Amino acid sequence: METIEKLFSFIDEYSEEVAKEHNITYLEGVLETLNTWLDGDRKPSINELSKEEIRKAIQLAILKGMRKSAQPNHQMTPDSLGLLLGYFVEQFYEKEFKSDEKITVLDPAIGTGNLLLTVMNLVGDKIEGTGVEIDDLLIQLAAASGELEKQPISLYCQDALENLLIDPVDAVICDLPVGYYPNDEVAKQYEVKSSEGMTYAHHLFIEQSLKYVKDGGYLFFLVPDHIFESEQSSILNKLITSKAWIQAVVQLPEELFSNKAHAKSLFILQKKNDTGEAVKEVLLARVPNMKNIKALELFFAKVRKWKKEQKKF
């Protein structure tokens, strides 16, 4: 913890200094600091930093900058959710990881890269990442963070719901952007397009992700708890039924979210393929309070038992 605090202090002080000197925002100052560190012009006086220590210190600085800017698209997935999602990626790709295979993973709403980098750092050198982000500042922060953590990530700065120049990937992970998507011209090319008014962006992201994952690949989404209760849910349900098999719906602890209305679940799909089949039983579970170690151990035991019973992983 002491190393993370020292590294955060280095990033924070230099970012404040740069922001003041160049009359830019603190978040832009963070980017300038990370790039200066990468260029070797100024380095923290801390030796042998781990990837996770670097990620956590950068995350603290970015969180400080986001609180200052308070832009709605500037939000970060909490660490606990990233680690939980990473655990499920490990479970579903255990065979590949045991045989030292690498998998390709796409995050179509990568933001500053925190979710994807948390998962990559957790599973070791087994993932090649790809990210898409429309916000120029956020994607530059993701690029600098990935480089400092020495993680292989290819990044694309564009609207993720337009055509992507990306080869199909083994898996998708995404903390879905929630709300209405403003570009109706793009939305009308999708099956989940709403017949009246604007379409939900999170529905469009699910459909787009299914296009860019390989047949038989898994998709790990953080979705709103009420995703199947909206007026557009029947169209989404129809798409999912035709293109994928639902693997798991895992409700996340409410205390992780500032507002009960913003609570999310982990929704895991498998894209249909000719040789696969649906699981015998969809995993329906609730994650306990993450401070309750005993309850968490029971939860993980339940997941392992479910996985063993499916005999497909």
Protein backbone atom coordinates (compact mmCIF):
# COMPACT_ATOMS: atom_id res chain seq x y z
CA MET A 1 0.00 0.00 0.00
CA GLU A 2 2.91 2.32 0.85
CA THR A 3 4.35 1.88 -2.68
CA ILE A 4 0.97 2.75 -4.27
CA GLU A 5 0.69 5.86 -2.06
CA LYS A 6 4.22 7.01 -2.98
CA LEU A 7 3.54 6.46 -6.68
CA PHE A 8 0.19 8.26 -6.47
CA SER A 9 1.90 11.22 -4.75
CA PHE A 10 4.43 11.37 -7.60
CA ILE A 11 1.67 11.36 -10.27
CA ASP A 12 -0.55 13.73 -8.29
CA GLU A 13 2.08 16.39 -7.55
CA TYR A 14 3.43 16.45 -11.09
CA SER A 15 -0.10 16.50 -12.59
CA GLU A 16 -1.12 19.46 -10.39
CA GLU A 17 2.08 21.27 -11.39
CA VAL A 18 1.61 20.62 -15.13
CA ALA A 19 -2.12 21.50 -15.04
CA LYS A 20 -1.37 24.84 -13.37
CA GLU A 21 1.58 25.66 -15.63
CA HIS A 22 -0.25 24.90 -18.92
CA ASN A 23 -3.76 25.91 -17.78
CA ILE A 24 -5.19 22.45 -18.51
CA THR A 25 -7.43 20.14 -16.48
CA TYR A 26 -5.99 17.86 -13.80
CA LEU A 27 -6.93 14.79 -15.90
CA GLU A 28 -4.98 16.21 -18.87
CA GLY A 29 -2.15 16.81 -16.41
CA VAL A 30 -2.25 13.11 -15.44
CA LEU A 31 -1.88 12.16 -19.11
CA GLU A 32 1.05 14.56 -19.49
CA THR A 33 2.66 13.04 -16.37
CA LEU A 34 2.27 9.44 -17.62
CA ASN A 35 3.72 10.36 -21.02
CA THR A 36 6.67 12.15 -19.39
CA TRP A 37 7.27 9.03 -17.27
CA LEU A 38 7.13 6.86 -20.40
CA ASP A 39 9.59 9.15 -22.20
CA GLY A 40 11.98 8.74 -19.27
CA ASP A 41 12.15 12.50 -18.59
CA ARG A 42 10.82 12.07 -15.06
CA LYS A 43 10.56 8.75 -13.21
CA PRO A 44 9.19 7.90 -9.77
CA SER A 45 11.91 7.09 -7.26
CA ILE A 46 10.42 3.64 -6.61
CA ASN A 47 12.13 0.48 -7.82
CA GLU A 48 10.54 -2.72 -9.17
CA LEU A 49 6.92 -1.67 -9.34
CA SER A 50 4.39 -4.41 -10.07
CA LYS A 51 1.78 -4.00 -12.82
CA GLU A 52 -0.98 -3.84 -10.20
CA GLU A 53 0.81 -1.17 -8.14
CA ILE A 54 1.18 0.97 -11.27
CA ARG A 55 -2.49 0.41 -12.25
CA LYS A 56 -3.83 1.24 -8.78
CA ALA A 57 -1.77 4.42 -8.42
CA ILE A 58 -2.83 5.62 -11.90
CA GLN A 59 -6.44 4.72 -11.04
CA LEU A 60 -6.34 6.89 -7.91
CA ALA A 61 -5.08 9.88 -9.93
CA ILE A 62 -7.69 9.34 -12.67
CA LEU A 63 -10.46 9.05 -10.06
CA LYS A 64 -9.35 12.36 -8.55
CA GLY A 65 -9.44 13.93 -12.02
CA MET A 66 -12.88 12.48 -12.78
CA ARG A 67 -14.32 13.87 -9.57
CA LYS A 68 -13.03 17.29 -10.60
CA SER A 69 -14.37 17.13 -14.18
CA ALA A 70 -17.63 15.31 -13.31
CA GLN A 71 -18.34 14.45 -16.94
CA PRO A 72 -20.97 11.69 -17.26
CA ASN A 73 -18.78 9.62 -19.64
CA HIS A 74 -15.84 9.87 -17.23
CA GLN A 75 -16.56 6.94 -14.90
CA MET A 76 -14.46 4.01 -13.85
CA THR A 77 -15.38 0.41 -13.08
CA PRO A 78 -14.53 -0.34 -9.40
CA ASP A 79 -11.62 -2.70 -8.78
CA SER A 80 -13.77 -5.26 -6.98
CA LEU A 81 -15.96 -5.67 -10.09
CA GLY A 82 -12.90 -5.98 -12.33
CA LEU A 83 -11.46 -8.71 -10.10
CA LEU A 84 -14.79 -10.55 -9.97
CA LEU A 85 -15.15 -10.38 -13.74
CA GLY A 86 -11.55 -11.57 -14.09
CA TYR A 87 -12.35 -14.57 -11.87
CA PHE A 88 -15.15 -15.60 -14.26
CA VAL A 89 -12.88 -15.13 -17.31
CA GLU A 90 -10.40 -17.49 -15.59
CA GLN A 91 -13.16 -20.05 -14.96
CA PHE A 92 -14.53 -20.01 -18.51
CA TYR A 93 -11.09 -20.11 -20.17
CA GLU A 94 -9.38 -22.43 -17.68
CA LYS A 95 -8.51 -25.05 -20.33
CA GLU A 96 -6.84 -22.46 -22.59
CA PHE A 97 -4.92 -20.87 -19.72
CA LYS A 98 -3.72 -24.25 -18.40
CA SER A 99 -2.34 -25.14 -21.82
CA ASP A 100 -0.62 -21.72 -22.03
CA GLU A 101 -2.84 -20.55 -24.89
CA LYS A 102 -3.42 -16.82 -25.22
CA ILE A 103 -6.88 -15.42 -25.83
CA THR A 104 -7.90 -12.17 -27.48
CA VAL A 105 -10.26 -9.96 -25.49
CA LEU A 106 -12.19 -6.90 -26.67
CA ASP A 107 -13.56 -4.13 -24.46
CA PRO A 108 -15.73 -1.99 -26.77
CA ALA A 109 -16.12 0.75 -24.14
CA ILE A 110 -12.63 0.69 -22.69
CA GLY A 111 -12.57 4.19 -21.19
CA THR A 112 -9.28 4.59 -19.31
CA GLY A 113 -8.63 0.84 -19.59
CA ASN A 114 -9.06 0.07 -15.90
CA LEU A 115 -11.45 -2.90 -16.30
CA LEU A 116 -9.47 -4.63 -19.06
CA LEU A 117 -6.12 -4.00 -17.34
CA THR A 118 -7.47 -5.34 -14.01
CA VAL A 119 -8.47 -8.58 -15.77
CA MET A 120 -5.19 -8.78 -17.75
CA ASN A 121 -3.07 -8.23 -14.63
CA LEU A 122 -5.09 -10.87 -12.76
CA VAL A 123 -4.69 -13.68 -15.30
CA GLY A 124 -1.06 -12.96 -16.16
CA ASP A 125 0.39 -12.96 -19.69
CA LYS A 126 -2.54 -14.81 -21.22
CA ILE A 127 -4.59 -12.05 -22.82
CA GLU A 128 -4.02 -9.83 -25.81
CA GLY A 129 -6.37 -6.89 -25.39
CA THR A 130 -8.24 -4.65 -27.81
CA GLY A 131 -10.19 -1.57 -26.79
CA VAL A 132 -12.47 0.97 -28.46
CA GLU A 133 -13.24 4.40 -27.02
CA ILE A 134 -14.68 7.55 -28.56
CA ASP A 135 -13.27 9.97 -25.95
CA ASP A 136 -9.81 11.10 -27.04
CA LEU A 137 -8.51 11.87 -23.52
CA LEU A 138 -9.73 8.58 -22.01
CA ILE A 139 -8.17 6.44 -24.75
CA GLN A 140 -4.83 8.25 -24.39
CA LEU A 141 -4.93 7.51 -20.65
CA ALA A 142 -5.67 3.84 -21.47
CA ALA A 143 -2.73 3.76 -23.90
CA ALA A 144 -0.29 5.27 -21.38
CA SER A 145 -1.51 2.96 -18.58
CA GLY A 146 -1.22 -0.14 -20.79
CA GLU A 147 2.29 0.81 -21.84
CA LEU A 148 3.47 1.50 -18.28
CA GLU A 149 2.00 -1.85 -17.18
CA LYS A 150 3.62 -3.54 -20.21
CA GLN A 151 0.32 -5.05 -21.32
CA PRO A 152 -0.35 -5.71 -25.02
CA ILE A 153 -3.41 -3.63 -25.94
CA SER A 154 -4.46 -2.36 -29.39
CA LEU A 155 -6.66 0.74 -29.19
CA TYR A 156 -9.13 2.34 -31.60
CA CYS A 157 -10.47 5.86 -31.09
CA GLN A 158 -13.96 5.80 -32.62
CA ASP A 159 -17.66 5.27 -31.96
CA ALA A 160 -17.75 1.56 -31.03
CA LEU A 161 -21.21 1.17 -32.54
CA GLU A 162 -20.02 2.00 -36.06
CA ASN A 163 -18.11 -0.56 -38.19
CA LEU A 164 -14.92 -1.73 -36.50
CA LEU A 165 -11.72 -2.84 -38.24
CA ILE A 166 -11.18 -5.60 -35.68
CA ASP A 167 -10.69 -9.32 -36.27
CA PRO A 168 -13.12 -11.54 -34.31
CA VAL A 169 -11.96 -12.05 -30.71
CA ASP A 170 -12.18 -14.98 -28.29
CA ALA A 171 -14.01 -12.99 -25.62
CA VAL A 172 -15.64 -9.63 -24.87
CA ILE A 173 -15.69 -7.88 -21.51
CA CYS A 174 -17.55 -4.62 -21.02
CA ASP A 175 -19.03 -2.38 -18.36
CA LEU A 176 -21.86 -1.35 -20.68
CA PRO A 177 -22.53 2.38 -21.16
CA VAL A 178 -26.12 2.84 -19.99
CA GLY A 179 -28.59 5.26 -21.54
CA TYR A 180 -29.97 6.29 -24.92
CA TYR A 181 -27.75 6.31 -28.00
CA PRO A 182 -28.05 9.65 -29.85
CA ASN A 183 -27.11 8.60 -33.43
CA ASP A 184 -30.32 7.22 -34.93
CA GLU A 185 -28.71 6.68 -38.36
CA VAL A 186 -26.30 4.17 -36.87
CA ALA A 187 -28.89 2.63 -34.52
CA LYS A 188 -31.30 1.78 -37.33
CA GLN A 189 -28.76 -0.72 -38.74
CA TYR A 190 -29.21 -2.86 -35.61
CA GLU A 191 -31.76 -5.57 -34.87
CA VAL A 192 -32.37 -4.11 -31.39
CA LYS A 193 -33.33 -0.70 -32.83
CA SER A 194 -36.36 0.65 -30.99
CA SER A 195 -39.44 1.16 -33.18
CA GLU A 196 -40.19 4.39 -31.28
CA GLY A 197 -37.71 7.00 -30.11
CA MET A 198 -34.05 6.45 -29.26
CA THR A 199 -32.50 3.03 -28.65
CA TYR A 200 -30.66 2.01 -25.52
CA ALA A 201 -26.89 2.15 -26.01
CA HIS A 202 -26.35 -0.88 -23.75
CA HIS A 203 -28.61 -2.98 -26.02
CA LEU A 204 -26.66 -1.85 -29.08
CA PHE A 205 -23.33 -2.69 -27.40
CA ILE A 206 -24.52 -6.24 -26.72
CA GLU A 207 -25.49 -6.73 -30.38
CA GLN A 208 -22.23 -5.18 -31.63
CA SER A 209 -20.19 -7.37 -29.28
CA LEU A 210 -21.90 -10.49 -30.60
CA LYS A 211 -20.79 -9.49 -34.12
CA TYR A 212 -17.12 -9.25 -33.14
CA VAL A 213 -16.74 -12.35 -30.94
CA LYS A 214 -15.90 -15.73 -32.49
CA ASP A 215 -18.55 -18.45 -32.64
CA GLY A 216 -18.50 -20.21 -29.29
CA GLY A 217 -16.79 -17.22 -27.61
CA TYR A 218 -17.92 -15.82 -24.26
CA LEU A 219 -19.13 -12.33 -23.44
CA PHE A 220 -18.96 -10.86 -19.93
CA PHE A 221 -21.15 -7.78 -19.45
CA LEU A 222 -21.84 -5.56 -16.46
CA VAL A 223 -25.50 -4.68 -17.09
CA PRO A 224 -28.19 -2.68 -15.26
CA ASP A 225 -30.19 -4.86 -12.86
CA HIS A 226 -33.40 -3.84 -14.64
CA ILE A 227 -32.14 -4.66 -18.17
CA PHE A 228 -35.03 -7.07 -18.85
CA GLU A 229 -37.71 -4.83 -17.36
CA SER A 230 -37.57 -1.91 -19.82
CA GLU A 231 -39.97 -1.21 -22.70
CA GLN A 232 -37.22 -2.26 -25.16
CA SER A 233 -36.30 -5.52 -23.39
CA SER A 234 -38.41 -7.81 -25.60
CA ILE A 235 -36.31 -6.83 -28.69
CA LEU A 236 -33.09 -7.48 -26.77
CA ASN A 237 -34.40 -10.80 -25.51
CA LYS A 238 -35.24 -11.87 -29.07
CA LEU A 239 -31.70 -11.03 -30.25
CA ILE A 240 -30.04 -12.90 -27.38
CA THR A 241 -32.25 -15.97 -27.86
CA SER A 242 -31.35 -16.16 -31.56
CA LYS A 243 -27.59 -15.48 -31.29
CA ALA A 244 -26.43 -16.71 -27.89
CA TRP A 245 -26.83 -19.04 -24.94
CA ILE A 246 -27.15 -17.42 -21.53
CA GLN A 247 -24.53 -18.86 -19.15
CA ALA A 248 -24.94 -16.85 -15.97
CA VAL A 249 -26.74 -13.95 -14.33
CA VAL A 250 -24.88 -12.87 -11.21
CA GLN A 251 -26.34 -10.12 -9.05
CA LEU A 252 -23.71 -7.81 -7.57
CA PRO A 253 -23.72 -6.42 -4.01
CA GLU A 254 -25.76 -3.20 -3.73
CA GLU A 255 -23.14 -1.59 -1.48
CA LEU A 256 -20.80 -1.35 -4.50
CA PHE A 257 -23.11 1.23 -6.05
CA SER A 258 -23.77 4.74 -4.75
CA ASN A 259 -27.44 4.50 -5.73
CA LYS A 260 -29.66 1.38 -5.72
CA ALA A 261 -31.06 2.49 -9.10
CA HIS A 262 -27.53 2.15 -10.59
CA ALA A 263 -26.99 -1.42 -9.31
CA LYS A 264 -25.58 -3.88 -11.86
CA SER A 265 -25.35 -7.60 -12.52
CA LEU A 266 -22.77 -9.69 -14.34
CA PHE A 267 -24.40 -11.17 -17.44
CA ILE A 268 -22.45 -13.92 -19.24
CA LEU A 269 -23.33 -15.15 -22.73
CA GLN A 270 -21.85 -17.64 -25.17
CA LYS A 271 -22.20 -16.93 -28.87
CA LYS A 272 -23.91 -19.89 -30.52
CA ASN A 273 -21.86 -22.26 -32.68
CA ASP A 274 -22.51 -25.50 -34.56
CA THR A 275 -20.74 -27.79 -32.11
CA GLY A 276 -21.88 -26.25 -28.83
CA GLU A 277 -25.06 -26.34 -26.81
CA ALA A 278 -26.79 -24.46 -24.02
CA VAL A 279 -25.74 -25.15 -20.44
CA LYS A 280 -27.95 -27.63 -18.56
CA GLU A 281 -28.74 -24.94 -16.02
CA VAL A 282 -28.05 -21.20 -16.15
CA LEU A 283 -26.03 -20.03 -13.14
CA LEU A 284 -28.23 -17.68 -11.09
CA ALA A 285 -26.35 -16.31 -8.12
CA ARG A 286 -25.92 -13.31 -5.88
CA VAL A 287 -22.48 -12.10 -4.79
CA PRO A 288 -22.41 -11.57 -1.01
CA ASN A 289 -20.91 -8.55 0.70
CA MET A 290 -17.32 -8.65 -0.54
CA LYS A 291 -15.97 -7.96 2.96
CA ASN A 292 -17.51 -11.24 4.16
CA ILE A 293 -14.69 -13.68 3.30
CA LYS A 294 -16.56 -16.81 4.43
CA ALA A 295 -19.65 -15.95 2.35
CA LEU A 296 -17.42 -15.18 -0.65
CA GLU A 297 -15.70 -18.57 -0.35
CA LEU A 298 -19.13 -20.26 -0.38
CA PHE A 299 -20.08 -18.22 -3.46
CA PHE A 300 -16.92 -19.29 -5.34
CA ALA A 301 -17.54 -22.91 -4.29
CA LYS A 302 -21.06 -22.66 -5.76
CA VAL A 303 -19.61 -21.34 -9.05
CA ARG A 304 -17.07 -24.19 -9.24
CA LYS A 305 -19.77 -26.77 -8.46
CA TRP A 306 -22.02 -25.31 -11.19
CA LYS A 307 -19.13 -25.35 -13.67
CA LYS A 308 -18.32 -29.00 -12.90
CA GLU A 309 -21.96 -30.02 -13.39
CA GLN A 310 -22.09 -28.43 -16.86
CA LYS A 311 -19.17 -30.59 -18.10
CA LYS A 312 -18.44 -28.14 -20.92
CA PHE A 313 -15.52 -26.05 -19.72
